[in-house]
Amino acid sequence: MKKGVCFLVAVAFMALASFLASAFDPSPLQDTCVAIDDPQGRLFVNGRFCKDPKLTVAKDFFHQGLNIPGNTQNLVGSNVTFVTVDQFPGLNTLGISLVRINYAPYGVNPSHIHPHATEILTVLQEHSMLALSIEA
């Protein structure tokens, strides 16, 4: 009888504790928050100040440089060119990352993971690929 009561008390306690627990990843996504380094930006999101949406221009959503092939003369025979918010300020808070991957013949991309993300790869031409990661 005593074991049954202890078991019931333990189950009730765990049920109450799990009811009060709340765990989730907050969504960092916004409509747009073009990153700027100026602290005069009123809104601070994702570690960056946001440009006033009225001052946003098309150049904030453009990056010149993914057209330049990377050097694949290394042990794995591939090169990854990253585009971050520093080069492409419009990516801030959109949950998107861009990279260009170049492969030498028989080159490989070392095993890796993308927690909370989906990866889309597009072959643009022989030996080069565009990768787009979308945070879920």
N, C-alpha and C. Protein backbone atom coordinates (compact mmCIF):
# COMPACT_ATOMS: atom_id res chain seq x y z
N MET A 1 0.82 -1.19 0.00
CA MET A 1 0.00 0.00 0.00
C MET A 1 0.86 1.25 0.00
N LYS A 2 1.93 1.25 0.83
CA LYS A 2 2.80 2.41 0.95
C LYS A 2 3.53 2.68 -0.38
N LYS A 3 3.93 1.61 -1.09
CA LYS A 3 4.60 1.77 -2.39
C LYS A 3 3.67 2.42 -3.40
N GLY A 4 2.42 2.03 -3.39
CA GLY A 4 1.43 2.59 -4.31
C GLY A 4 1.22 4.08 -4.08
N VAL A 5 1.18 4.49 -2.82
CA VAL A 5 0.99 5.91 -2.48
C VAL A 5 2.22 6.71 -2.91
N CYS A 6 3.40 6.18 -2.65
CA CYS A 6 4.64 6.86 -3.06
C CYS A 6 4.69 7.01 -4.57
N PHE A 7 4.29 5.95 -5.27
CA PHE A 7 4.28 6.01 -6.74
C PHE A 7 3.30 7.07 -7.23
N LEU A 8 2.11 7.12 -6.65
CA LEU A 8 1.11 8.11 -7.03
C LEU A 8 1.60 9.53 -6.75
N VAL A 9 2.22 9.73 -5.62
CA VAL A 9 2.77 11.06 -5.26
C VAL A 9 3.86 11.46 -6.26
N ALA A 10 4.72 10.52 -6.62
CA ALA A 10 5.79 10.81 -7.58
C ALA A 10 5.22 11.16 -8.95
N VAL A 11 4.22 10.42 -9.40
CA VAL A 11 3.59 10.69 -10.70
C VAL A 11 2.89 12.05 -10.67
N ALA A 12 2.20 12.35 -9.58
CA ALA A 12 1.51 13.64 -9.46
C ALA A 12 2.52 14.79 -9.46
N PHE A 13 3.62 14.62 -8.75
CA PHE A 13 4.66 15.66 -8.70
C PHE A 13 5.26 15.89 -10.10
N MET A 14 5.56 14.82 -10.82
CA MET A 14 6.13 14.95 -12.16
C MET A 14 5.13 15.58 -13.12
N ALA A 15 3.86 15.25 -12.97
CA ALA A 15 2.84 15.85 -13.82
C ALA A 15 2.75 17.35 -13.57
N LEU A 16 2.77 17.76 -12.31
CA LEU A 16 2.73 19.19 -11.99
C LEU A 16 3.99 19.90 -12.47
N ALA A 17 5.13 19.27 -12.28
CA ALA A 17 6.40 19.89 -12.70
C ALA A 17 6.44 20.05 -14.21
N SER A 18 5.98 19.06 -14.95
CA SER A 18 6.01 19.17 -16.40
C SER A 18 4.98 20.17 -16.91
N PHE A 19 3.89 20.35 -16.18
CA PHE A 19 2.88 21.34 -16.56
C PHE A 19 3.47 22.75 -16.47
N LEU A 20 4.32 23.00 -15.48
CA LEU A 20 4.90 24.32 -15.28
C LEU A 20 6.09 24.58 -16.19
N ALA A 21 6.70 23.52 -16.70
CA ALA A 21 7.88 23.69 -17.55
C ALA A 21 7.47 24.13 -18.95
N SER A 22 8.26 25.04 -19.50
CA SER A 22 8.00 25.51 -20.86
C SER A 22 9.35 25.72 -21.52
N ALA A 23 9.64 24.95 -22.55
CA ALA A 23 10.91 25.07 -23.23
C ALA A 23 10.68 25.17 -24.73
N PHE A 24 11.28 26.19 -25.36
CA PHE A 24 11.16 26.35 -26.80
C PHE A 24 12.27 27.29 -27.27
N ASP A 25 12.51 27.29 -28.55
CA ASP A 25 13.46 28.23 -29.14
C ASP A 25 12.67 29.44 -29.60
N PRO A 26 13.01 30.61 -29.09
CA PRO A 26 12.30 31.80 -29.57
C PRO A 26 12.62 32.05 -31.04
N SER A 27 11.66 32.52 -31.77
CA SER A 27 11.85 32.77 -33.19
C SER A 27 12.61 34.08 -33.40
N PRO A 28 13.77 34.06 -34.08
CA PRO A 28 14.51 35.28 -34.33
C PRO A 28 14.05 36.00 -35.61
N LEU A 29 13.02 35.46 -36.26
CA LEU A 29 12.63 35.97 -37.56
C LEU A 29 11.81 37.25 -37.46
N GLN A 30 12.08 38.19 -38.35
CA GLN A 30 11.36 39.45 -38.46
C GLN A 30 11.01 39.63 -39.93
N ASP A 31 10.18 40.60 -40.25
CA ASP A 31 9.94 40.91 -41.66
C ASP A 31 11.25 41.36 -42.30
N THR A 32 11.75 42.50 -41.90
CA THR A 32 13.09 42.93 -42.30
C THR A 32 13.70 43.71 -41.16
N CYS A 33 14.97 43.52 -41.00
CA CYS A 33 15.76 44.28 -40.03
C CYS A 33 17.14 44.36 -40.64
N VAL A 34 17.34 45.32 -41.54
CA VAL A 34 18.63 45.47 -42.21
C VAL A 34 19.65 45.90 -41.16
N ALA A 35 20.72 45.12 -41.03
CA ALA A 35 21.71 45.37 -39.99
C ALA A 35 22.54 46.61 -40.30
N ILE A 36 22.76 47.42 -39.26
CA ILE A 36 23.66 48.57 -39.34
C ILE A 36 24.50 48.60 -38.07
N ASP A 37 25.63 49.27 -38.13
CA ASP A 37 26.50 49.37 -36.96
C ASP A 37 26.22 50.61 -36.14
N ASP A 38 25.36 51.49 -36.62
CA ASP A 38 25.07 52.75 -35.96
C ASP A 38 24.16 52.53 -34.76
N PRO A 39 24.61 52.88 -33.55
CA PRO A 39 23.77 52.69 -32.37
C PRO A 39 22.55 53.61 -32.34
N GLN A 40 22.42 54.51 -33.32
CA GLN A 40 21.23 55.36 -33.39
C GLN A 40 20.01 54.58 -33.85
N GLY A 41 20.25 53.38 -34.37
CA GLY A 41 19.12 52.53 -34.74
C GLY A 41 18.30 52.24 -33.50
N ARG A 42 17.04 52.43 -33.57
CA ARG A 42 16.18 52.31 -32.39
C ARG A 42 15.98 50.87 -31.95
N LEU A 43 15.97 49.96 -32.90
CA LEU A 43 15.65 48.57 -32.60
C LEU A 43 16.93 47.73 -32.62
N PHE A 44 17.12 46.90 -31.60
CA PHE A 44 18.29 46.03 -31.49
C PHE A 44 17.79 44.59 -31.55
N VAL A 45 18.04 43.91 -32.69
CA VAL A 45 17.55 42.55 -32.89
C VAL A 45 18.70 41.68 -33.38
N ASN A 46 18.81 40.49 -32.81
CA ASN A 46 19.78 39.51 -33.29
C ASN A 46 21.22 40.01 -33.19
N GLY A 47 21.49 40.85 -32.20
CA GLY A 47 22.84 41.35 -31.99
C GLY A 47 23.21 42.53 -32.88
N ARG A 48 22.27 43.07 -33.62
CA ARG A 48 22.52 44.20 -34.53
C ARG A 48 21.45 45.27 -34.37
N PHE A 49 21.84 46.50 -34.66
CA PHE A 49 20.87 47.59 -34.74
C PHE A 49 20.21 47.53 -36.11
N CYS A 50 18.95 47.90 -36.15
CA CYS A 50 18.19 47.83 -37.40
C CYS A 50 18.11 49.20 -38.05
N LYS A 51 18.26 49.20 -39.36
CA LYS A 51 18.09 50.40 -40.16
C LYS A 51 16.61 50.77 -40.20
N ASP A 52 16.32 52.05 -40.23
CA ASP A 52 14.94 52.51 -40.37
C ASP A 52 14.39 51.94 -41.68
N PRO A 53 13.25 51.22 -41.64
CA PRO A 53 12.71 50.61 -42.86
C PRO A 53 12.48 51.60 -44.00
N LYS A 54 12.25 52.88 -43.68
CA LYS A 54 12.05 53.88 -44.72
C LYS A 54 13.35 54.19 -45.46
N LEU A 55 14.49 53.86 -44.85
CA LEU A 55 15.80 54.13 -45.46
C LEU A 55 16.40 52.91 -46.14
N THR A 56 15.69 51.79 -46.11
CA THR A 56 16.17 50.55 -46.72
C THR A 56 16.17 50.69 -48.24
N VAL A 57 17.28 50.24 -48.87
CA VAL A 57 17.42 50.31 -50.32
C VAL A 57 17.72 48.92 -50.87
N ALA A 58 17.59 48.74 -52.17
CA ALA A 58 17.83 47.44 -52.80
C ALA A 58 19.24 46.93 -52.54
N LYS A 59 20.22 47.81 -52.42
CA LYS A 59 21.61 47.42 -52.19
C LYS A 59 21.77 46.64 -50.88
N ASP A 60 20.87 46.85 -49.92
CA ASP A 60 20.92 46.13 -48.65
C ASP A 60 20.64 44.64 -48.84
N PHE A 61 20.05 44.27 -49.96
CA PHE A 61 19.68 42.88 -50.23
C PHE A 61 20.47 42.31 -51.41
N PHE A 62 21.68 42.82 -51.61
CA PHE A 62 22.50 42.38 -52.73
C PHE A 62 23.93 42.17 -52.25
N HIS A 63 24.57 41.14 -52.77
CA HIS A 63 25.99 40.90 -52.45
C HIS A 63 26.73 40.49 -53.71
N GLN A 64 27.77 41.22 -54.02
CA GLN A 64 28.63 40.88 -55.16
C GLN A 64 29.81 40.10 -54.60
N GLY A 65 30.02 38.90 -55.06
CA GLY A 65 31.16 38.13 -54.59
C GLY A 65 30.95 36.63 -54.68
N LEU A 66 29.70 36.19 -54.76
CA LEU A 66 29.46 34.76 -54.91
C LEU A 66 29.81 34.28 -56.30
N ASN A 67 30.10 35.21 -57.20
CA ASN A 67 30.48 34.84 -58.56
C ASN A 67 31.96 34.51 -58.68
N ILE A 68 32.74 34.70 -57.61
CA ILE A 68 34.18 34.48 -57.64
C ILE A 68 34.48 33.07 -57.12
N PRO A 69 35.08 32.21 -57.95
CA PRO A 69 35.38 30.84 -57.50
C PRO A 69 36.40 30.83 -56.38
N GLY A 70 36.24 29.88 -55.45
CA GLY A 70 37.19 29.73 -54.35
C GLY A 70 38.31 28.77 -54.72
N ASN A 71 39.40 28.83 -53.95
CA ASN A 71 40.56 27.99 -54.17
C ASN A 71 40.29 26.58 -53.63
N THR A 72 40.33 25.59 -54.48
CA THR A 72 40.06 24.20 -54.06
C THR A 72 41.33 23.37 -53.92
N GLN A 73 42.47 24.01 -53.92
CA GLN A 73 43.75 23.29 -53.78
C GLN A 73 44.04 23.06 -52.30
N ASN A 74 43.29 22.15 -51.68
CA ASN A 74 43.48 21.82 -50.27
C ASN A 74 43.21 20.33 -50.06
N LEU A 75 43.26 19.87 -48.82
CA LEU A 75 43.14 18.43 -48.53
C LEU A 75 41.79 17.84 -48.94
N VAL A 76 40.71 18.60 -48.81
CA VAL A 76 39.38 18.05 -49.11
C VAL A 76 38.92 18.37 -50.53
N GLY A 77 39.64 19.23 -51.22
CA GLY A 77 39.30 19.55 -52.60
C GLY A 77 38.03 20.36 -52.74
N SER A 78 37.74 21.18 -51.73
CA SER A 78 36.56 22.04 -51.83
C SER A 78 36.84 23.36 -51.12
N ASN A 79 36.03 24.35 -51.43
CA ASN A 79 36.14 25.66 -50.79
C ASN A 79 34.75 26.20 -50.55
N VAL A 80 34.52 26.70 -49.34
CA VAL A 80 33.22 27.27 -48.99
C VAL A 80 33.40 28.77 -48.79
N THR A 81 32.65 29.56 -49.54
CA THR A 81 32.66 31.02 -49.40
C THR A 81 31.37 31.40 -48.68
N PHE A 82 31.51 31.93 -47.46
CA PHE A 82 30.35 32.31 -46.65
C PHE A 82 29.92 33.74 -46.94
N VAL A 83 28.65 33.99 -46.88
CA VAL A 83 28.11 35.35 -46.94
C VAL A 83 27.37 35.56 -45.63
N THR A 84 27.83 36.52 -44.85
CA THR A 84 27.23 36.79 -43.56
C THR A 84 26.51 38.14 -43.58
N VAL A 85 25.94 38.49 -42.47
CA VAL A 85 25.23 39.76 -42.34
C VAL A 85 26.19 40.94 -42.55
N ASP A 86 27.48 40.73 -42.28
CA ASP A 86 28.45 41.81 -42.50
C ASP A 86 28.53 42.21 -43.98
N GLN A 87 28.46 41.23 -44.89
CA GLN A 87 28.51 41.52 -46.32
C GLN A 87 27.13 41.73 -46.93
N PHE A 88 26.10 41.17 -46.31
CA PHE A 88 24.76 41.16 -46.87
C PHE A 88 23.79 41.55 -45.75
N PRO A 89 23.69 42.84 -45.41
CA PRO A 89 22.94 43.27 -44.23
C PRO A 89 21.47 42.89 -44.25
N GLY A 90 20.88 42.66 -45.42
CA GLY A 90 19.49 42.29 -45.50
C GLY A 90 19.18 40.90 -44.98
N LEU A 91 20.21 40.07 -44.77
CA LEU A 91 19.99 38.71 -44.25
C LEU A 91 19.62 38.70 -42.77
N ASN A 92 19.92 39.78 -42.07
CA ASN A 92 19.68 39.84 -40.62
C ASN A 92 18.23 39.51 -40.30
N THR A 93 18.03 38.60 -39.38
CA THR A 93 16.74 38.13 -38.84
C THR A 93 15.88 37.37 -39.84
N LEU A 94 16.32 37.13 -41.06
CA LEU A 94 15.51 36.37 -42.01
C LEU A 94 15.68 34.87 -41.84
N GLY A 95 16.69 34.45 -41.06
CA GLY A 95 16.90 33.03 -40.85
C GLY A 95 17.49 32.34 -42.07
N ILE A 96 18.23 33.10 -42.88
CA ILE A 96 18.81 32.55 -44.11
C ILE A 96 20.33 32.75 -44.08
N SER A 97 21.06 31.76 -44.53
CA SER A 97 22.50 31.86 -44.73
C SER A 97 22.80 31.49 -46.17
N LEU A 98 23.80 32.11 -46.74
CA LEU A 98 24.20 31.81 -48.12
C LEU A 98 25.66 31.42 -48.15
N VAL A 99 26.00 30.42 -48.94
CA VAL A 99 27.40 30.04 -49.17
C VAL A 99 27.56 29.61 -50.62
N ARG A 100 28.77 29.73 -51.11
CA ARG A 100 29.12 29.16 -52.41
C ARG A 100 30.14 28.06 -52.12
N ILE A 101 29.92 26.89 -52.69
CA ILE A 101 30.83 25.76 -52.50
C ILE A 101 31.43 25.42 -53.86
N ASN A 102 32.75 25.40 -53.92
CA ASN A 102 33.46 24.98 -55.13
C ASN A 102 34.13 23.65 -54.85
N TYR A 103 34.05 22.74 -55.81
CA TYR A 103 34.66 21.43 -55.69
C TYR A 103 35.69 21.21 -56.78
N ALA A 104 36.84 20.66 -56.41
CA ALA A 104 37.80 20.15 -57.39
C ALA A 104 37.29 18.77 -57.78
N PRO A 105 37.76 18.21 -58.88
CA PRO A 105 37.36 16.83 -59.20
C PRO A 105 37.68 15.91 -58.01
N TYR A 106 36.71 15.13 -57.60
CA TYR A 106 36.78 14.22 -56.46
C TYR A 106 36.85 14.96 -55.11
N GLY A 107 36.54 16.22 -55.10
CA GLY A 107 36.51 16.98 -53.85
C GLY A 107 35.29 16.59 -53.02
N VAL A 108 35.37 16.80 -51.72
CA VAL A 108 34.27 16.45 -50.82
C VAL A 108 33.94 17.61 -49.91
N ASN A 109 32.77 17.56 -49.35
CA ASN A 109 32.35 18.50 -48.32
C ASN A 109 32.33 17.70 -47.02
N PRO A 110 33.20 18.01 -46.06
CA PRO A 110 33.26 17.22 -44.82
C PRO A 110 31.89 17.16 -44.13
N SER A 111 31.65 16.06 -43.45
CA SER A 111 30.38 15.87 -42.74
C SER A 111 30.16 17.00 -41.75
N HIS A 112 28.92 17.45 -41.69
CA HIS A 112 28.56 18.52 -40.75
C HIS A 112 27.05 18.48 -40.55
N ILE A 113 26.58 19.26 -39.58
CA ILE A 113 25.14 19.32 -39.31
C ILE A 113 24.69 20.77 -39.29
N HIS A 114 23.39 20.95 -39.44
CA HIS A 114 22.77 22.27 -39.33
C HIS A 114 21.60 22.16 -38.35
N PRO A 115 21.86 22.38 -37.06
CA PRO A 115 20.74 22.29 -36.11
C PRO A 115 19.70 23.36 -36.42
N HIS A 116 18.47 23.02 -36.37
CA HIS A 116 17.35 23.95 -36.60
C HIS A 116 17.37 24.56 -38.00
N ALA A 117 17.88 23.86 -38.99
CA ALA A 117 17.95 24.46 -40.32
C ALA A 117 17.71 23.41 -41.41
N THR A 118 17.32 23.90 -42.55
CA THR A 118 17.15 23.09 -43.75
C THR A 118 18.18 23.59 -44.76
N GLU A 119 18.79 22.70 -45.50
CA GLU A 119 19.80 23.11 -46.47
C GLU A 119 19.30 22.77 -47.87
N ILE A 120 19.42 23.74 -48.75
CA ILE A 120 19.04 23.56 -50.16
C ILE A 120 20.31 23.77 -50.99
N LEU A 121 20.67 22.79 -51.81
CA LEU A 121 21.85 22.90 -52.65
C LEU A 121 21.44 22.97 -54.12
N THR A 122 22.04 23.87 -54.85
CA THR A 122 21.75 24.02 -56.27
C THR A 122 23.06 23.98 -57.04
N VAL A 123 23.18 23.08 -58.01
CA VAL A 123 24.37 23.02 -58.84
C VAL A 123 24.22 24.08 -59.93
N LEU A 124 25.12 25.05 -59.91
CA LEU A 124 25.06 26.13 -60.89
C LEU A 124 25.82 25.79 -62.16
N GLN A 125 26.94 25.13 -62.00
CA GLN A 125 27.74 24.68 -63.13
C GLN A 125 28.64 23.58 -62.62
N GLU A 126 29.32 22.95 -63.51
CA GLU A 126 30.22 21.87 -63.10
C GLU A 126 31.22 22.40 -62.07
N HIS A 127 31.37 21.69 -60.97
CA HIS A 127 32.31 21.97 -59.89
C HIS A 127 31.91 23.15 -59.01
N SER A 128 30.71 23.66 -59.07
CA SER A 128 30.32 24.72 -58.16
C SER A 128 28.87 24.56 -57.76
N MET A 129 28.54 25.03 -56.57
CA MET A 129 27.22 24.81 -56.01
C MET A 129 26.84 26.00 -55.14
N LEU A 130 25.57 26.33 -55.08
CA LEU A 130 25.07 27.38 -54.21
C LEU A 130 24.25 26.71 -53.12
N ALA A 131 24.55 27.02 -51.86
CA ALA A 131 23.81 26.43 -50.75
C ALA A 131 23.03 27.51 -50.03
N LEU A 132 21.81 27.19 -49.71
CA LEU A 132 20.93 28.10 -48.98
C LEU A 132 20.43 27.35 -47.77
N SER A 133 20.71 27.87 -46.57
CA SER A 133 20.20 27.25 -45.34
C SER A 133 19.09 28.11 -44.81
N ILE A 134 18.00 27.48 -44.46
CA ILE A 134 16.85 28.19 -43.92
C ILE A 134 16.61 27.69 -42.52
N GLU A 135 16.61 28.59 -41.55
CA GLU A 135 16.38 28.22 -40.17
C GLU A 135 14.92 27.93 -39.96
N ALA A 136 14.65 26.79 -39.33
CA ALA A 136 13.26 26.39 -39.10
C ALA A 136 12.77 26.89 -37.77
